[in-house]
Amino acid sequence: MNQRLPPRHKFHAKPCEDDGQWFDSKKERHRYRELKALRAVGVVTFFLRQTRFDLPGKTVYRCDFTVFWRDGSVTFEDVKGVQTETYRLKKRQVEEAYPVEISEK
């Protein structure tokens, strides 16, 4: 079977793969590996990738990681090299529409 590579990124991030999953950048893959290690030692209960938030106007925002910590807290993380105006706008809309705060890694 021929596997397609993801398209080139406009900010020159290098798409990469780990555990059969594609990541938009090496930085995002690195955070994935950190979260796996934290899960292995019990600091993180589990985490989700690409959590979807629906916004007005049929707009969708996807948060890179939703992390469930051992202490019961939940964090929402986006791995960013460049914070575009579109990202800042969507982040603000999500934080206004949902009871979440998104942190950048």
PDB file of N, CA and C in Angstrom:
ATOM      1  N   MET A   1       0.843  -1.173   0.000  1.00  0.00           N
ATOM      2  CA  MET A   1       0.000   0.000   0.000  1.00  0.00           C
ATOM      3  C   MET A   1       0.892   1.241   0.000  1.00  0.00           C
ATOM      4  N   ASN A   2       0.572   2.214  -0.811  1.00  0.00           N
ATOM      5  CA  ASN A   2       1.353   3.432  -0.914  1.00  0.00           C
ATOM      6  C   ASN A   2       0.875   4.423   0.136  1.00  0.00           C
ATOM      7  N   GLN A   3       1.774   4.847   1.036  1.00  0.00           N
ATOM      8  CA  GLN A   3       1.415   5.771   2.094  1.00  0.00           C
ATOM      9  C   GLN A   3       1.765   7.191   1.675  1.00  0.00           C
ATOM     10  N   ARG A   4       0.808   8.099   1.774  1.00  0.00           N
ATOM     11  CA  ARG A   4       1.029   9.485   1.377  1.00  0.00           C
ATOM     12  C   ARG A   4       1.631  10.265   2.532  1.00  0.00           C
ATOM     13  N   LEU A   5       2.605  11.077   2.225  1.00  0.00           N
ATOM     14  CA  LEU A   5       3.186  11.964   3.222  1.00  0.00           C
ATOM     15  C   LEU A   5       2.313  13.204   3.340  1.00  0.00           C
ATOM     16  N   PRO A   6       2.267  13.822   4.538  1.00  0.00           N
ATOM     17  CA  PRO A   6       1.498  15.057   4.677  1.00  0.00           C
ATOM     18  C   PRO A   6       2.101  16.168   3.820  1.00  0.00           C
ATOM     19  N   PRO A   7       1.307  17.188   3.464  1.00  0.00           N
ATOM     20  CA  PRO A   7       1.835  18.279   2.642  1.00  0.00           C
ATOM     21  C   PRO A   7       2.896  19.089   3.396  1.00  0.00           C
ATOM     22  N   ARG A   8       3.709  19.816   2.634  1.00  0.00           N
ATOM     23  CA  ARG A   8       4.731  20.662   3.243  1.00  0.00           C
ATOM     24  C   ARG A   8       4.074  21.768   4.058  1.00  0.00           C
ATOM     25  N   HIS A   9       4.705  22.134   5.156  1.00  0.00           N
ATOM     26  CA  HIS A   9       4.160  23.140   6.054  1.00  0.00           C
ATOM     27  C   HIS A   9       4.668  24.520   5.661  1.00  0.00           C
ATOM     28  N   LYS A  10       3.807  25.507   5.739  1.00  0.00           N
ATOM     29  CA  LYS A  10       4.193  26.840   5.293  1.00  0.00           C
ATOM     30  C   LYS A  10       5.236  27.497   6.187  1.00  0.00           C
ATOM     31  N   PHE A  11       5.397  27.028   7.427  1.00  0.00           N
ATOM     32  CA  PHE A  11       6.410  27.588   8.318  1.00  0.00           C
ATOM     33  C   PHE A  11       7.625  26.681   8.414  1.00  0.00           C
ATOM     34  N   HIS A  12       7.772  25.786   7.452  1.00  0.00           N
ATOM     35  CA  HIS A  12       8.920  24.889   7.326  1.00  0.00           C
ATOM     36  C   HIS A  12       9.033  23.875   8.454  1.00  0.00           C
ATOM     37  N   ALA A  13       7.944  23.606   9.149  1.00  0.00           N
ATOM     38  CA  ALA A  13       7.947  22.526  10.141  1.00  0.00           C
ATOM     39  C   ALA A  13       8.086  21.215   9.377  1.00  0.00           C
ATOM     40  N   LYS A  14       8.724  20.270   9.986  1.00  0.00           N
ATOM     41  CA  LYS A  14       8.960  18.985   9.338  1.00  0.00           C
ATOM     42  C   LYS A  14       7.978  17.947   9.884  1.00  0.00           C
ATOM     43  N   PRO A  15       6.980  17.528   9.075  1.00  0.00           N
ATOM     44  CA  PRO A  15       6.079  16.478   9.523  1.00  0.00           C
ATOM     45  C   PRO A  15       6.874  15.219   9.849  1.00  0.00           C
ATOM     46  N   CYS A  16       6.456  14.511  10.879  1.00  0.00           N
ATOM     47  CA  CYS A  16       7.168  13.298  11.268  1.00  0.00           C
ATOM     48  C   CYS A  16       6.186  12.307  11.869  1.00  0.00           C
ATOM     49  N   GLU A  17       6.664  11.077  12.059  1.00  0.00           N
ATOM     50  CA  GLU A  17       5.809   9.976  12.478  1.00  0.00           C
ATOM     51  C   GLU A  17       6.362   9.337  13.741  1.00  0.00           C
ATOM     52  N   ASP A  18       5.445   8.840  14.575  1.00  0.00           N
ATOM     53  CA  ASP A  18       5.814   8.078  15.770  1.00  0.00           C
ATOM     54  C   ASP A  18       4.614   7.197  16.107  1.00  0.00           C
ATOM     55  N   ASP A  19       4.861   5.953  16.407  1.00  0.00           N
ATOM     56  CA  ASP A  19       3.791   5.001  16.757  1.00  0.00           C
ATOM     57  C   ASP A  19       2.705   4.934  15.691  1.00  0.00           C
ATOM     58  N   GLY A  20       3.064   5.135  14.428  1.00  0.00           N
ATOM     59  CA  GLY A  20       2.086   5.066  13.352  1.00  0.00           C
ATOM     60  C   GLY A  20       1.212   6.298  13.228  1.00  0.00           C
ATOM     61  N   GLN A  21       1.536   7.373  13.950  1.00  0.00           N
ATOM     62  CA  GLN A  21       0.764   8.612  13.901  1.00  0.00           C
ATOM     63  C   GLN A  21       1.628   9.715  13.313  1.00  0.00           C
ATOM     64  N   TRP A  22       1.008  10.590  12.518  1.00  0.00           N
ATOM     65  CA  TRP A  22       1.729  11.717  11.938  1.00  0.00           C
ATOM     66  C   TRP A  22       1.565  12.939  12.814  1.00  0.00           C
ATOM     67  N   PHE A  23       2.648  13.704  12.919  1.00  0.00           N
ATOM     68  CA  PHE A  23       2.668  14.942  13.681  1.00  0.00           C
ATOM     69  C   PHE A  23       3.061  16.076  12.746  1.00  0.00           C
ATOM     70  N   ASP A  24       2.520  17.265  12.991  1.00  0.00           N
ATOM     71  CA  ASP A  24       2.802  18.411  12.127  1.00  0.00           C
ATOM     72  C   ASP A  24       4.242  18.887  12.247  1.00  0.00           C
ATOM     73  N   SER A  25       4.886  18.575  13.368  1.00  0.00           N
ATOM     74  CA  SER A  25       6.253  19.058  13.570  1.00  0.00           C
ATOM     75  C   SER A  25       7.004  18.129  14.519  1.00  0.00           C
ATOM     76  N   LYS A  26       8.317  18.281  14.514  1.00  0.00           N
ATOM     77  CA  LYS A  26       9.141  17.527  15.463  1.00  0.00           C
ATOM     78  C   LYS A  26       8.839  17.971  16.889  1.00  0.00           C
ATOM     79  N   LYS A  27       8.520  19.240  17.046  1.00  0.00           N
ATOM     80  CA  LYS A  27       8.192  19.775  18.374  1.00  0.00           C
ATOM     81  C   LYS A  27       6.930  19.097  18.929  1.00  0.00           C
ATOM     82  N   GLU A  28       5.918  18.912  18.092  1.00  0.00           N
ATOM     83  CA  GLU A  28       4.688  18.236  18.529  1.00  0.00           C
ATOM     84  C   GLU A  28       4.973  16.773  18.850  1.00  0.00           C
ATOM     85  N   ARG A  29       5.785  16.120  18.040  1.00  0.00           N
ATOM     86  CA  ARG A  29       6.154  14.731  18.319  1.00  0.00           C
ATOM     87  C   ARG A  29       6.921  14.628  19.634  1.00  0.00           C
ATOM     88  N   HIS A  30       7.793  15.596  19.893  1.00  0.00           N
ATOM     89  CA  HIS A  30       8.552  15.610  21.149  1.00  0.00           C
ATOM     90  C   HIS A  30       7.609  15.704  22.349  1.00  0.00           C
ATOM     91  N   ARG A  31       6.590  16.566  22.260  1.00  0.00           N
ATOM     92  CA  ARG A  31       5.618  16.685  23.361  1.00  0.00           C
ATOM     93  C   ARG A  31       4.846  15.381  23.525  1.00  0.00           C
ATOM     94  N   TYR A  32       4.505  14.739  22.429  1.00  0.00           N
ATOM     95  CA  TYR A  32       3.831  13.436  22.486  1.00  0.00           C
ATOM     96  C   TYR A  32       4.678  12.437  23.265  1.00  0.00           C
ATOM     97  N   ARG A  33       5.965  12.402  22.965  1.00  0.00           N
ATOM     98  CA  ARG A  33       6.868  11.481  23.661  1.00  0.00           C
ATOM     99  C   ARG A  33       6.980  11.825  25.142  1.00  0.00           C
ATOM    100  N   GLU A  34       7.005  13.119  25.461  1.00  0.00           N
ATOM    101  CA  GLU A  34       7.030  13.530  26.877  1.00  0.00           C
ATOM    102  C   GLU A  34       5.785  13.047  27.599  1.00  0.00           C
ATOM    103  N   LEU A  35       4.627  13.226  26.971  1.00  0.00           N
ATOM    104  CA  LEU A  35       3.373  12.814  27.597  1.00  0.00           C
ATOM    105  C   LEU A  35       3.308  11.297  27.763  1.00  0.00           C
ATOM    106  N   LYS A  36       3.830  10.549  26.796  1.00  0.00           N
ATOM    107  CA  LYS A  36       3.884   9.089  26.937  1.00  0.00           C
ATOM    108  C   LYS A  36       4.745   8.692  28.131  1.00  0.00           C
ATOM    109  N   ALA A  37       5.880   9.363  28.316  1.00  0.00           N
ATOM    110  CA  ALA A  37       6.771   9.071  29.439  1.00  0.00           C
ATOM    111  C   ALA A  37       6.090   9.422  30.765  1.00  0.00           C
ATOM    112  N   LEU A  38       5.382  10.543  30.807  1.00  0.00           N
ATOM    113  CA  LEU A  38       4.667  10.934  32.022  1.00  0.00           C
ATOM    114  C   LEU A  38       3.541   9.952  32.338  1.00  0.00           C
ATOM    115  N   ARG A  39       2.911   9.438  31.300  1.00  0.00           N
ATOM    116  CA  ARG A  39       1.866   8.417  31.500  1.00  0.00           C
ATOM    117  C   ARG A  39       2.484   7.127  32.039  1.00  0.00           C
ATOM    118  N   ALA A  40       3.647   6.761  31.540  1.00  0.00           N
ATOM    119  CA  ALA A  40       4.315   5.522  31.966  1.00  0.00           C
ATOM    120  C   ALA A  40       4.679   5.544  33.449  1.00  0.00           C
ATOM    121  N   VAL A  41       4.993   6.733  33.986  1.00  0.00           N
ATOM    122  CA  VAL A  41       5.352   6.820  35.408  1.00  0.00           C
ATOM    123  C   VAL A  41       4.170   7.221  36.282  1.00  0.00           C
ATOM    124  N   GLY A  42       2.999   7.405  35.685  1.00  0.00           N
ATOM    125  CA  GLY A  42       1.791   7.653  36.453  1.00  0.00           C
ATOM    126  C   GLY A  42       1.463   9.101  36.750  1.00  0.00           C
ATOM    127  N   VAL A  43       2.225  10.038  36.230  1.00  0.00           N
ATOM    128  CA  VAL A  43       1.934  11.451  36.452  1.00  0.00           C
ATOM    129  C   VAL A  43       0.729  11.886  35.624  1.00  0.00           C
ATOM    130  N   VAL A  44       0.636  11.349  34.413  1.00  0.00           N
ATOM    131  CA  VAL A  44      -0.496  11.599  33.517  1.00  0.00           C
ATOM    132  C   VAL A  44      -1.331  10.331  33.462  1.00  0.00           C
ATOM    133  N   THR A  45      -2.636  10.467  33.667  1.00  0.00           N
ATOM    134  CA  THR A  45      -3.536   9.320  33.587  1.00  0.00           C
ATOM    135  C   THR A  45      -3.687   8.878  32.134  1.00  0.00           C
ATOM    136  N   PHE A  46      -4.023   9.832  31.265  1.00  0.00           N
ATOM    137  CA  PHE A  46      -4.066   9.594  29.821  1.00  0.00           C
ATOM    138  C   PHE A  46      -4.139  10.933  29.106  1.00  0.00           C
ATOM    139  N   PHE A  47      -3.995  10.904  27.800  1.00  0.00           N
ATOM    140  CA  PHE A  47      -4.090  12.133  27.015  1.00  0.00           C
ATOM    141  C   PHE A  47      -4.721  11.824  25.672  1.00  0.00           C
ATOM    142  N   LEU A  48      -5.306  12.862  25.087  1.00  0.00           N
ATOM    143  CA  LEU A  48      -5.952  12.760  23.780  1.00  0.00           C
ATOM    144  C   LEU A  48      -5.248  13.690  22.808  1.00  0.00           C
ATOM    145  N   ARG A  49      -5.234  13.306  21.552  1.00  0.00           N
ATOM    146  CA  ARG A  49      -4.673  14.146  20.500  1.00  0.00           C
ATOM    147  C   ARG A  49      -5.791  14.742  19.662  1.00  0.00           C
ATOM    148  N   GLN A  50      -5.561  15.953  19.193  1.00  0.00           N
ATOM    149  CA  GLN A  50      -6.437  16.624  18.232  1.00  0.00           C
ATOM    150  C   GLN A  50      -7.892  16.713  18.713  1.00  0.00           C
ATOM    151  N   THR A  51      -8.068  17.245  19.919  1.00  0.00           N
ATOM    152  CA  THR A  51      -9.401  17.443  20.475  1.00  0.00           C
ATOM    153  C   THR A  51     -10.117  18.536  19.684  1.00  0.00           C
ATOM    154  N   ARG A  52     -11.322  18.231  19.253  1.00  0.00           N
ATOM    155  CA  ARG A  52     -12.088  19.134  18.378  1.00  0.00           C
ATOM    156  C   ARG A  52     -12.984  20.058  19.197  1.00  0.00           C
ATOM    157  N   PHE A  53     -12.960  21.342  18.826  1.00  0.00           N
ATOM    158  CA  PHE A  53     -13.875  22.340  19.372  1.00  0.00           C
ATOM    159  C   PHE A  53     -14.608  22.966  18.198  1.00  0.00           C
ATOM    160  N   ASP A  54     -15.943  22.924  18.224  1.00  0.00           N
ATOM    161  CA  ASP A  54     -16.746  23.544  17.170  1.00  0.00           C
ATOM    162  C   ASP A  54     -17.003  25.003  17.535  1.00  0.00           C
ATOM    163  N   LEU A  55     -16.816  25.869  16.548  1.00  0.00           N
ATOM    164  CA  LEU A  55     -16.996  27.305  16.735  1.00  0.00           C
ATOM    165  C   LEU A  55     -18.059  27.811  15.765  1.00  0.00           C
ATOM    166  N   PRO A  56     -18.584  29.027  16.010  1.00  0.00           N
ATOM    167  CA  PRO A  56     -19.593  29.584  15.100  1.00  0.00           C
ATOM    168  C   PRO A  56     -19.073  29.663  13.665  1.00  0.00           C
ATOM    169  N   GLY A  57     -19.998  29.591  12.728  1.00  0.00           N
ATOM    170  CA  GLY A  57     -19.642  29.685  11.311  1.00  0.00           C
ATOM    171  C   GLY A  57     -19.018  28.419  10.771  1.00  0.00           C
ATOM    172  N   LYS A  58     -19.358  27.285  11.374  1.00  0.00           N
ATOM    173  CA  LYS A  58     -18.845  25.978  10.955  1.00  0.00           C
ATOM    174  C   LYS A  58     -17.310  25.919  11.000  1.00  0.00           C
ATOM    175  N   THR A  59     -16.730  26.707  11.895  1.00  0.00           N
ATOM    176  CA  THR A  59     -15.283  26.705  12.084  1.00  0.00           C
ATOM    177  C   THR A  59     -14.916  25.660  13.120  1.00  0.00           C
ATOM    178  N   VAL A  60     -13.804  24.996  12.913  1.00  0.00           N
ATOM    179  CA  VAL A  60     -13.334  23.971  13.846  1.00  0.00           C
ATOM    180  C   VAL A  60     -11.935  24.336  14.320  1.00  0.00           C
ATOM    181  N   TYR A  61     -11.722  24.187  15.603  1.00  0.00           N
ATOM    182  CA  TYR A  61     -10.391  24.362  16.184  1.00  0.00           C
ATOM    183  C   TYR A  61      -9.985  23.026  16.775  1.00  0.00           C
ATOM    184  N   ARG A  62      -8.771  22.590  16.507  1.00  0.00           N
ATOM    185  CA  ARG A  62      -8.263  21.338  17.070  1.00  0.00           C
ATOM    186  C   ARG A  62      -7.079  21.649  17.968  1.00  0.00           C
ATOM    187  N   CYS A  63      -7.234  21.262  19.215  1.00  0.00           N
ATOM    188  CA  CYS A  63      -6.181  21.418  20.207  1.00  0.00           C
ATOM    189  C   CYS A  63      -5.255  20.201  20.106  1.00  0.00           C
ATOM    190  N   ASP A  64      -3.939  20.403  20.133  1.00  0.00           N
ATOM    191  CA  ASP A  64      -3.007  19.299  19.940  1.00  0.00           C
ATOM    192  C   ASP A  64      -3.159  18.209  21.003  1.00  0.00           C
ATOM    193  N   PHE A  65      -3.238  18.594  22.276  1.00  0.00           N
ATOM    194  CA  PHE A  65      -3.318  17.603  23.351  1.00  0.00           C
ATOM    195  C   PHE A  65      -4.282  18.045  24.438  1.00  0.00           C
ATOM    196  N   THR A  66      -5.092  17.102  24.910  1.00  0.00           N
ATOM    197  CA  THR A  66      -5.869  17.262  26.129  1.00  0.00           C
ATOM    198  C   THR A  66      -5.269  16.274  27.108  1.00  0.00           C
ATOM    199  N   VAL A  67      -4.774  16.783  28.242  1.00  0.00           N
ATOM    200  CA  VAL A  67      -4.015  15.960  29.180  1.00  0.00           C
ATOM    201  C   VAL A  67      -4.789  15.819  30.487  1.00  0.00           C
ATOM    202  N   PHE A  68      -4.961  14.580  30.917  1.00  0.00           N
ATOM    203  CA  PHE A  68      -5.639  14.269  32.173  1.00  0.00           C
ATOM    204  C   PHE A  68      -4.569  13.864  33.186  1.00  0.00           C
ATOM    205  N   TRP A  69      -4.372  14.715  34.194  1.00  0.00           N
ATOM    206  CA  TRP A  69      -3.308  14.524  35.167  1.00  0.00           C
ATOM    207  C   TRP A  69      -3.782  13.679  36.345  1.00  0.00           C
ATOM    208  N   ARG A  70      -2.855  13.054  37.032  1.00  0.00           N
ATOM    209  CA  ARG A  70      -3.156  12.180  38.169  1.00  0.00           C
ATOM    210  C   ARG A  70      -3.950  12.910  39.248  1.00  0.00           C
ATOM    211  N   ASP A  71      -3.698  14.207  39.452  1.00  0.00           N
ATOM    212  CA  ASP A  71      -4.387  14.962  40.500  1.00  0.00           C
ATOM    213  C   ASP A  71      -5.826  15.327  40.128  1.00  0.00           C
ATOM    214  N   GLY A  72      -6.274  14.897  38.942  1.00  0.00           N
ATOM    215  CA  GLY A  72      -7.642  15.164  38.505  1.00  0.00           C
ATOM    216  C   GLY A  72      -7.785  16.386  37.614  1.00  0.00           C
ATOM    217  N   SER A  73      -6.740  17.160  37.450  1.00  0.00           N
ATOM    218  CA  SER A  73      -6.826  18.338  36.592  1.00  0.00           C
ATOM    219  C   SER A  73      -6.705  17.935  35.117  1.00  0.00           C
ATOM    220  N   VAL A  74      -7.205  18.814  34.278  1.00  0.00           N
ATOM    221  CA  VAL A  74      -7.170  18.604  32.830  1.00  0.00           C
ATOM    222  C   VAL A  74      -6.573  19.863  32.205  1.00  0.00           C
ATOM    223  N   THR A  75      -5.620  19.685  31.299  1.00  0.00           N
ATOM    224  CA  THR A  75      -5.047  20.829  30.589  1.00  0.00           C
ATOM    225  C   THR A  75      -5.214  20.640  29.090  1.00  0.00           C
ATOM    226  N   PHE A  76      -5.263  21.753  28.395  1.00  0.00           N
ATOM    227  CA  PHE A  76      -5.382  21.773  26.940  1.00  0.00           C
ATOM    228  C   PHE A  76      -4.125  22.444  26.411  1.00  0.00           C
ATOM    229  N   GLU A  77      -3.410  21.746  25.523  1.00  0.00           N
ATOM    230  CA  GLU A  77      -2.116  22.220  25.064  1.00  0.00           C
ATOM    231  C   GLU A  77      -2.056  22.289  23.548  1.00  0.00           C
ATOM    232  N   ASP A  78      -1.444  23.350  23.072  1.00  0.00           N
ATOM    233  CA  ASP A  78      -1.150  23.478  21.654  1.00  0.00           C
ATOM    234  C   ASP A  78       0.347  23.680  21.520  1.00  0.00           C
ATOM    235  N   VAL A  79       0.953  22.921  20.641  1.00  0.00           N
ATOM    236  CA  VAL A  79       2.386  23.032  20.399  1.00  0.00           C
ATOM    237  C   VAL A  79       2.562  23.983  19.225  1.00  0.00           C
ATOM    238  N   LYS A  80       3.169  25.127  19.488  1.00  0.00           N
ATOM    239  CA  LYS A  80       3.286  26.156  18.459  1.00  0.00           C
ATOM    240  C   LYS A  80       4.722  26.624  18.305  1.00  0.00           C
ATOM    241  N   GLY A  81       5.121  26.785  17.071  1.00  0.00           N
ATOM    242  CA  GLY A  81       6.380  27.444  16.767  1.00  0.00           C
ATOM    243  C   GLY A  81       6.093  28.891  16.397  1.00  0.00           C
ATOM    244  N   VAL A  82       4.993  29.099  15.667  1.00  0.00           N
ATOM    245  CA  VAL A  82       4.572  30.427  15.232  1.00  0.00           C
ATOM    246  C   VAL A  82       3.106  30.606  15.604  1.00  0.00           C
ATOM    247  N   GLN A  83       2.811  31.690  16.296  1.00  0.00           N
ATOM    248  CA  GLN A  83       1.424  31.986  16.650  1.00  0.00           C
ATOM    249  C   GLN A  83       0.854  32.947  15.613  1.00  0.00           C
ATOM    250  N   THR A  84       0.074  32.398  14.703  1.00  0.00           N
ATOM    251  CA  THR A  84      -0.523  33.232  13.653  1.00  0.00           C
ATOM    252  C   THR A  84      -1.721  33.988  14.217  1.00  0.00           C
ATOM    253  N   GLU A  85      -2.146  34.990  13.487  1.00  0.00           N
ATOM    254  CA  GLU A  85      -3.326  35.756  13.897  1.00  0.00           C
ATOM    255  C   GLU A  85      -4.559  34.850  13.911  1.00  0.00           C
ATOM    256  N   THR A  86      -4.656  33.945  12.938  1.00  0.00           N
ATOM    257  CA  THR A  86      -5.786  33.003  12.900  1.00  0.00           C
ATOM    258  C   THR A  86      -5.792  32.128  14.143  1.00  0.00           C
ATOM    259  N   TYR A  87      -4.625  31.633  14.533  1.00  0.00           N
ATOM    260  CA  TYR A  87      -4.543  30.814  15.749  1.00  0.00           C
ATOM    261  C   TYR A  87      -4.994  31.616  16.966  1.00  0.00           C
ATOM    262  N   ARG A  88      -4.492  32.840  17.107  1.00  0.00           N
ATOM    263  CA  ARG A  88      -4.858  33.651  18.284  1.00  0.00           C
ATOM    264  C   ARG A  88      -6.355  33.925  18.318  1.00  0.00           C
ATOM    265  N   LEU A  89      -6.951  34.180  17.156  1.00  0.00           N
ATOM    266  CA  LEU A  89      -8.385  34.430  17.082  1.00  0.00           C
ATOM    267  C   LEU A  89      -9.179  33.189  17.493  1.00  0.00           C
ATOM    268  N   LYS A  90      -8.836  32.028  16.907  1.00  0.00           N
ATOM    269  CA  LYS A  90      -9.562  30.794  17.239  1.00  0.00           C
ATOM    270  C   LYS A  90      -9.373  30.416  18.699  1.00  0.00           C
ATOM    271  N   LYS A  91      -8.170  30.585  19.224  1.00  0.00           N
ATOM    272  CA  LYS A  91      -7.911  30.282  20.634  1.00  0.00           C
ATOM    273  C   LYS A  91      -8.810  31.139  21.526  1.00  0.00           C
ATOM    274  N   ARG A  92      -8.878  32.426  21.228  1.00  0.00           N
ATOM    275  CA  ARG A  92      -9.722  33.334  22.005  1.00  0.00           C
ATOM    276  C   ARG A  92     -11.199  32.912  21.917  1.00  0.00           C
ATOM    277  N   GLN A  93     -11.646  32.530  20.721  1.00  0.00           N
ATOM    278  CA  GLN A  93     -13.036  32.097  20.545  1.00  0.00           C
ATOM    279  C   GLN A  93     -13.320  30.836  21.367  1.00  0.00           C
ATOM    280  N   VAL A  94     -12.393  29.883  21.355  1.00  0.00           N
ATOM    281  CA  VAL A  94     -12.579  28.650  22.132  1.00  0.00           C
ATOM    282  C   VAL A  94     -12.660  28.967  23.611  1.00  0.00           C
ATOM    283  N   GLU A  95     -11.747  29.809  24.097  1.00  0.00           N
ATOM    284  CA  GLU A  95     -11.715  30.123  25.529  1.00  0.00           C
ATOM    285  C   GLU A  95     -12.940  30.916  25.971  1.00  0.00           C
ATOM    286  N   GLU A  96     -13.560  31.651  25.045  1.00  0.00           N
ATOM    287  CA  GLU A  96     -14.801  32.371  25.361  1.00  0.00           C
ATOM    288  C   GLU A  96     -16.010  31.444  25.319  1.00  0.00           C
ATOM    289  N   ALA A  97     -15.999  30.464  24.426  1.00  0.00           N
ATOM    290  CA  ALA A  97     -17.157  29.588  24.236  1.00  0.00           C
ATOM    291  C   ALA A  97     -17.167  28.379  25.169  1.00  0.00           C
ATOM    292  N   TYR A  98     -15.985  27.942  25.618  1.00  0.00           N
ATOM    293  CA  TYR A  98     -15.863  26.743  26.451  1.00  0.00           C
ATOM    294  C   TYR A  98     -15.117  27.092  27.740  1.00  0.00           C
ATOM    295  N   PRO A  99     -15.347  26.347  28.801  1.00  0.00           N
ATOM    296  CA  PRO A  99     -14.639  26.623  30.068  1.00  0.00           C
ATOM    297  C   PRO A  99     -13.225  26.021  30.063  1.00  0.00           C
ATOM    298  N   VAL A 100     -12.383  26.458  29.131  1.00  0.00           N
ATOM    299  CA  VAL A 100     -11.023  25.922  29.008  1.00  0.00           C
ATOM    300  C   VAL A 100     -10.033  27.060  28.853  1.00  0.00           C
ATOM    301  N   GLU A 101      -8.785  26.755  29.182  1.00  0.00           N
ATOM    302  CA  GLU A 101      -7.674  27.663  28.920  1.00  0.00           C
ATOM    303  C   GLU A 101      -6.633  26.852  28.161  1.00  0.00           C
ATOM    304  N   ILE A 102      -6.221  27.344  27.031  1.00  0.00           N
ATOM    305  CA  ILE A 102      -5.269  26.623  26.186  1.00  0.00           C
ATOM    306  C   ILE A 102      -3.875  27.194  26.420  1.00  0.00           C
ATOM    307  N   SER A 103      -2.938  26.317  26.724  1.00  0.00           N
ATOM    308  CA  SER A 103      -1.552  26.758  26.924  1.00  0.00           C
ATOM    309  C   SER A 103      -0.712  26.332  25.725  1.00  0.00           C
ATOM    310  N   GLU A 104       0.304  27.137  25.431  1.00  0.00           N
ATOM    311  CA  GLU A 104       1.206  26.819  24.340  1.00  0.00           C
ATOM    312  C   GLU A 104       2.447  26.155  24.894  1.00  0.00           C
ATOM    313  N   LYS A 105       2.910  25.148  24.192  1.00  0.00           N
ATOM    314  CA  LYS A 105       4.134  24.425  24.568  1.00  0.00           C
ATOM    315  C   LYS A 105       5.171  24.665  23.521  1.00  0.00           C
TER     316      LYS A 105
END
